[in-house]
């Protein structure tokens, strides 16, 4: 286990997806990971997630093809977002990049519309 809870959870989600299973239990979670999962649930990449206990989180995978944490966490300005969309997503309107801005976590499209830059966290499609 590494120190990055979000990267560990996203790797476990992909391993579960490759094993053709739909549910997994993550042993470590944080508020930051829960916010990432909330955005994924809004976009239907995750069907549901539930905190079972202090150390357990149950996740049900939805319509997801790939998800990864972005390492290193690049800091981007608004006009640089398009470059990273081309790098990480398969096509222009497919998938999301989650960006941590001064107003919280949001998708790349919301950050672009609000004219905000920030730190790249993860991508999903």
Protein backbone atom coordinates (compact mmCIF):
# COMPACT_ATOMS: atom_id res chain seq x y z
CA UNK A 1 0.00 0.00 0.00
CA UNK A 2 1.22 3.43 -0.88
CA UNK A 3 0.41 6.70 0.81
CA UNK A 4 -1.97 7.81 -1.95
CA UNK A 5 -5.44 6.58 -1.00
CA UNK A 6 -7.10 7.83 -4.22
CA UNK A 7 -4.58 6.10 -6.48
CA UNK A 8 -4.88 2.85 -4.49
CA UNK A 9 -8.68 2.90 -4.68
CA UNK A 10 -8.73 3.64 -8.43
CA UNK A 11 -6.25 0.80 -9.03
CA UNK A 12 -8.46 -1.56 -7.01
CA UNK A 13 -11.48 -0.46 -9.06
CA UNK A 14 -9.65 -1.26 -12.31
CA UNK A 15 -8.45 -4.63 -10.98
CA UNK A 16 -12.03 -5.48 -10.00
CA UNK A 17 -13.25 -4.40 -13.45
CA UNK A 18 -10.62 -6.59 -15.16
CA UNK A 19 -11.73 -9.54 -12.97
CA UNK A 20 -15.28 -8.98 -14.34
CA UNK A 21 -16.71 -8.22 -10.91
CA UNK A 22 -18.96 -5.31 -10.02
CA UNK A 23 -18.37 -4.76 -6.30
CA UNK A 24 -15.31 -4.23 -4.19
CA UNK A 25 -14.45 -3.26 -0.65
CA UNK A 26 -11.71 -0.69 -0.09
CA UNK A 27 -9.93 -0.94 3.25
CA UNK A 28 -8.79 2.70 3.47
CA UNK A 29 -10.72 5.80 2.48
CA UNK A 30 -10.75 9.55 3.03
CA UNK A 31 -13.06 12.50 2.45
CA UNK A 32 -11.02 13.32 -0.65
CA UNK A 33 -11.70 9.84 -2.11
CA UNK A 34 -15.40 10.15 -1.24
CA UNK A 35 -15.56 13.43 -3.18
CA UNK A 36 -13.87 11.80 -6.20
CA UNK A 37 -16.41 8.96 -6.00
CA UNK A 38 -19.29 11.47 -5.75
CA UNK A 39 -18.19 13.05 -9.04
CA UNK A 40 -17.83 9.57 -10.58
CA UNK A 41 -21.35 8.70 -9.38
CA UNK A 42 -22.79 11.86 -10.96
CA UNK A 43 -21.25 10.82 -14.28
CA UNK A 44 -22.44 7.20 -13.75
CA UNK A 45 -18.94 5.67 -13.68
CA UNK A 46 -19.76 4.38 -10.19
CA UNK A 47 -23.26 3.08 -9.43
CA UNK A 48 -23.03 3.47 -5.67
CA UNK A 49 -20.63 3.67 -2.77
CA UNK A 50 -21.26 3.23 0.92
CA UNK A 51 -19.13 3.67 4.02
CA UNK A 52 -19.50 0.41 5.95
CA UNK A 53 -17.30 1.22 8.92
CA UNK A 54 -14.43 3.47 9.88
CA UNK A 55 -12.05 1.53 7.64
CA UNK A 56 -14.25 0.01 4.95
CA UNK A 57 -15.89 1.41 1.84
CA UNK A 58 -18.06 -0.63 -0.54
CA UNK A 59 -18.07 0.49 -4.19
CA UNK A 60 -20.31 -0.74 -7.00
CA UNK A 61 -18.83 -0.12 -10.45
CA UNK A 62 -21.04 1.39 -13.16
CA UNK A 63 -20.38 2.22 -16.82
CA UNK A 64 -16.59 2.50 -16.59
CA UNK A 65 -13.91 1.60 -19.12
CA UNK A 66 -10.81 3.05 -17.47
CA UNK A 67 -9.83 5.19 -14.50
CA UNK A 68 -6.42 6.19 -13.22
CA UNK A 69 -4.84 8.67 -10.88
CA UNK A 70 -2.67 11.28 -12.58
CA UNK A 71 0.87 11.19 -11.22
CA UNK A 72 2.58 13.59 -10.75
CA UNK A 73 -0.31 15.91 -9.95
CA UNK A 74 0.26 18.56 -12.58
CA UNK A 75 -0.83 22.11 -11.80
CA UNK A 76 -2.69 23.55 -14.78
CA UNK A 77 -4.05 26.91 -15.82
CA UNK A 78 -7.39 27.22 -17.57
CA UNK A 79 -5.88 27.47 -21.04
CA UNK A 80 -3.74 24.33 -20.45
CA UNK A 81 -6.67 22.03 -19.59
CA UNK A 82 -7.28 21.13 -23.26
CA UNK A 83 -3.72 19.77 -23.60
CA UNK A 84 -4.32 17.29 -20.77
CA UNK A 85 -7.77 16.33 -22.11
CA UNK A 86 -6.05 15.30 -25.35
CA UNK A 87 -3.36 13.41 -23.42
CA UNK A 88 -5.55 11.38 -21.03
CA UNK A 89 -9.00 11.00 -22.63
CA UNK A 90 -9.72 8.93 -25.77
CA UNK A 91 -11.89 11.55 -27.50
CA UNK A 92 -13.06 15.12 -26.99
CA UNK A 93 -16.46 14.52 -25.33
CA UNK A 94 -15.72 11.13 -23.76
CA UNK A 95 -14.70 10.95 -20.11
CA UNK A 96 -13.72 13.40 -17.40
CA UNK A 97 -10.60 14.69 -15.73
CA UNK A 98 -11.07 15.53 -12.05
CA UNK A 99 -9.33 18.75 -11.04
CA UNK A 100 -8.78 20.08 -7.52
CA UNK A 101 -9.43 23.83 -7.64
CA UNK A 102 -9.72 26.55 -5.04
CA UNK A 103 -13.48 25.93 -5.09
CA UNK A 104 -13.21 22.19 -4.54
CA UNK A 105 -13.04 19.13 -6.77
CA UNK A 106 -14.75 19.37 -10.16
CA UNK A 107 -14.60 18.00 -13.68
CA UNK A 108 -12.38 19.59 -16.29
CA UNK A 109 -15.40 21.00 -18.13
CA UNK A 110 -16.76 22.73 -15.02
CA UNK A 111 -13.32 24.15 -14.22
CA UNK A 112 -13.00 25.42 -17.79
CA UNK A 113 -16.47 27.03 -17.66
CA UNK A 114 -15.68 28.73 -14.34
CA UNK A 115 -12.25 29.82 -15.64
CA UNK A 116 -10.39 27.97 -12.85
CA UNK A 117 -7.09 26.15 -12.88
CA UNK A 118 -5.89 23.62 -10.36
CA UNK A 119 -4.19 20.31 -9.76
CA UNK A 120 -5.02 17.24 -11.87
CA UNK A 121 -6.20 14.32 -9.72
CA UNK A 122 -7.61 11.53 -11.90
CA UNK A 123 -9.31 10.68 -15.18
CA UNK A 124 -12.21 8.36 -16.01
CA UNK A 125 -13.99 7.24 -19.15
